[in-house]
């Protein structure tokens, strides 16, 4: 059995390339088909964006995909769960590179809770123990 990542993602191989999740691999297959059909071009995997402020390197951000449409360059990140670190890096990259807007592609696997499926709020426990 394959070992799952921290958030349940299973590494998947397609065309000899290892992807961090099945969702990312599936998106790659979709993008390759769009590229073959001429809808997009210049598909790039794991484009790197250096985050440097006042000459100091803060971090590097690696998106999942970058490609060109007829109108613009698209940067994509496939996410099942958006972590706080991801949201921070996304804001940082978009602030440092004003011409870039990172598009988040949600994994279909992520299930959203409806308001009716949430557990009801309970009253705080009261101690029955006497002091």
Protein backbone atom coordinates (compact mmCIF):
# COMPACT_ATOMS: atom_id res chain seq x y z
CA UNK A 1 0.00 0.00 0.00
CA UNK A 2 1.29 3.45 -0.87
CA UNK A 3 2.07 5.85 1.91
CA UNK A 4 -0.16 8.91 1.98
CA UNK A 5 1.12 12.42 2.55
CA UNK A 6 0.17 14.62 5.47
CA UNK A 7 -3.12 15.65 3.84
CA UNK A 8 -3.96 12.26 2.33
CA UNK A 9 -2.37 12.87 -1.09
CA UNK A 10 -0.94 9.87 -2.93
CA UNK A 11 2.10 10.41 -5.16
CA UNK A 12 1.25 9.47 -8.74
CA UNK A 13 3.39 8.90 -11.85
CA UNK A 14 2.32 10.01 -15.33
CA UNK A 15 4.64 10.12 -18.37
CA UNK A 16 7.58 9.31 -16.08
CA UNK A 17 6.86 12.38 -13.93
CA UNK A 18 6.01 12.05 -10.23
CA UNK A 19 3.20 14.31 -9.04
CA UNK A 20 2.42 15.10 -5.41
CA UNK A 21 -1.20 13.94 -5.75
CA UNK A 22 -3.67 12.17 -8.02
CA UNK A 23 -5.46 15.49 -8.54
CA UNK A 24 -2.26 17.17 -9.74
CA UNK A 25 -1.54 14.26 -12.10
CA UNK A 26 -5.10 14.41 -13.46
CA UNK A 27 -4.75 18.16 -14.08
CA UNK A 28 -1.48 17.51 -15.93
CA UNK A 29 -3.28 15.06 -18.23
CA UNK A 30 -6.00 17.68 -18.88
CA UNK A 31 -3.42 20.38 -19.64
CA UNK A 32 -1.47 18.07 -21.98
CA UNK A 33 -4.70 17.43 -23.91
CA UNK A 34 -5.39 21.19 -24.10
CA UNK A 35 -1.83 21.74 -25.34
CA UNK A 36 -2.22 19.01 -28.00
CA UNK A 37 -5.49 20.65 -29.12
CA UNK A 38 -3.75 24.03 -29.45
CA UNK A 39 -5.79 25.69 -26.69
CA UNK A 40 -2.70 26.41 -24.56
CA UNK A 41 1.05 26.37 -25.18
CA UNK A 42 4.33 26.46 -23.27
CA UNK A 43 3.20 24.12 -20.48
CA UNK A 44 5.73 24.29 -17.66
CA UNK A 45 5.87 22.10 -14.55
CA UNK A 46 6.88 23.45 -11.15
CA UNK A 47 7.72 27.04 -12.17
CA UNK A 48 9.79 28.71 -9.47
CA UNK A 49 9.22 32.21 -8.10
CA UNK A 50 11.90 33.65 -5.84
CA UNK A 51 10.52 35.83 -3.06
CA UNK A 52 13.19 38.43 -2.30
CA UNK A 53 12.54 41.54 -0.20
CA UNK A 54 15.18 44.23 0.34
CA UNK A 55 17.82 41.90 -1.05
CA UNK A 56 16.95 39.11 1.39
CA UNK A 57 15.57 35.82 0.16
CA UNK A 58 12.39 35.03 2.08
CA UNK A 59 11.41 31.82 0.29
CA UNK A 60 10.83 30.19 -3.07
CA UNK A 61 7.33 29.41 -4.29
CA UNK A 62 6.84 26.51 -6.68
CA UNK A 63 3.51 26.51 -8.50
CA UNK A 64 2.25 23.28 -10.04
CA UNK A 65 1.84 24.54 -13.61
CA UNK A 66 2.36 27.56 -15.84
CA UNK A 67 1.17 27.93 -19.43
CA UNK A 68 0.05 30.49 -21.97
CA UNK A 69 -3.42 31.00 -23.36
CA UNK A 70 -4.05 33.31 -26.30
CA UNK A 71 -4.50 36.20 -23.86
CA UNK A 72 -2.19 35.68 -20.88
CA UNK A 73 0.20 33.56 -18.84
CA UNK A 74 -1.59 31.35 -16.33
CA UNK A 75 -0.07 30.10 -13.08
CA UNK A 76 -1.93 27.21 -11.47
CA UNK A 77 -1.75 25.37 -8.17
CA UNK A 78 -3.84 22.26 -7.56
CA UNK A 79 -5.07 22.15 -3.97
CA UNK A 80 -7.16 19.80 -1.91
CA UNK A 81 -6.56 21.85 1.20
CA UNK A 82 -5.34 25.43 1.24
CA UNK A 83 -2.95 25.71 4.14
CA UNK A 84 -2.07 28.97 5.88
CA UNK A 85 1.47 28.73 4.46
CA UNK A 86 0.10 28.40 0.92
CA UNK A 87 -2.23 31.39 1.35
CA UNK A 88 0.67 33.48 2.68
CA UNK A 89 3.03 32.49 -0.16
CA UNK A 90 0.30 33.13 -2.73
CA UNK A 91 -0.21 36.67 -1.40
CA UNK A 92 3.54 37.25 -1.26
CA UNK A 93 4.11 36.12 -4.86
CA UNK A 94 1.17 38.17 -6.15
CA UNK A 95 2.51 41.25 -4.29
CA UNK A 96 6.08 40.80 -5.59
CA UNK A 97 4.98 39.92 -9.14
CA UNK A 98 2.02 42.25 -9.88
CA UNK A 99 1.45 40.74 -13.33
CA UNK A 100 0.88 37.28 -11.81
CA UNK A 101 -2.41 35.95 -10.49
CA UNK A 102 -2.21 32.42 -9.12
CA UNK A 103 -5.26 30.34 -10.00
CA UNK A 104 -6.18 27.65 -7.51
CA UNK A 105 -7.64 24.48 -8.99
CA UNK A 106 -9.64 22.65 -6.33
CA UNK A 107 -9.37 18.91 -6.06
CA UNK A 108 -12.73 17.22 -6.63
CA UNK A 109 -11.89 14.90 -3.75
CA UNK A 110 -12.36 17.58 -1.11
CA UNK A 111 -15.79 17.35 0.45
CA UNK A 112 -17.34 20.48 1.84
CA UNK A 113 -19.53 20.25 4.90
CA UNK A 114 -22.98 21.67 4.51
CA UNK A 115 -24.37 23.76 7.33
CA UNK A 116 -26.83 20.96 8.19
CA UNK A 117 -24.13 18.31 8.54
CA UNK A 118 -22.18 20.15 11.20
CA UNK A 119 -22.37 18.93 14.73
CA UNK A 120 -24.66 21.03 16.87
CA UNK A 121 -22.99 23.33 19.32
CA UNK A 122 -23.18 22.01 22.83
CA UNK A 123 -23.29 23.91 26.04
CA UNK A 124 -20.02 24.03 27.95
CA UNK A 125 -19.61 21.19 30.40
CA UNK A 126 -20.52 21.98 33.95
CA UNK A 127 -18.76 20.17 36.62
CA UNK A 128 -21.03 18.11 38.84
CA UNK A 129 -18.26 17.83 41.36
CA UNK A 130 -18.67 19.88 44.50
CA UNK A 131 -15.74 21.61 46.08
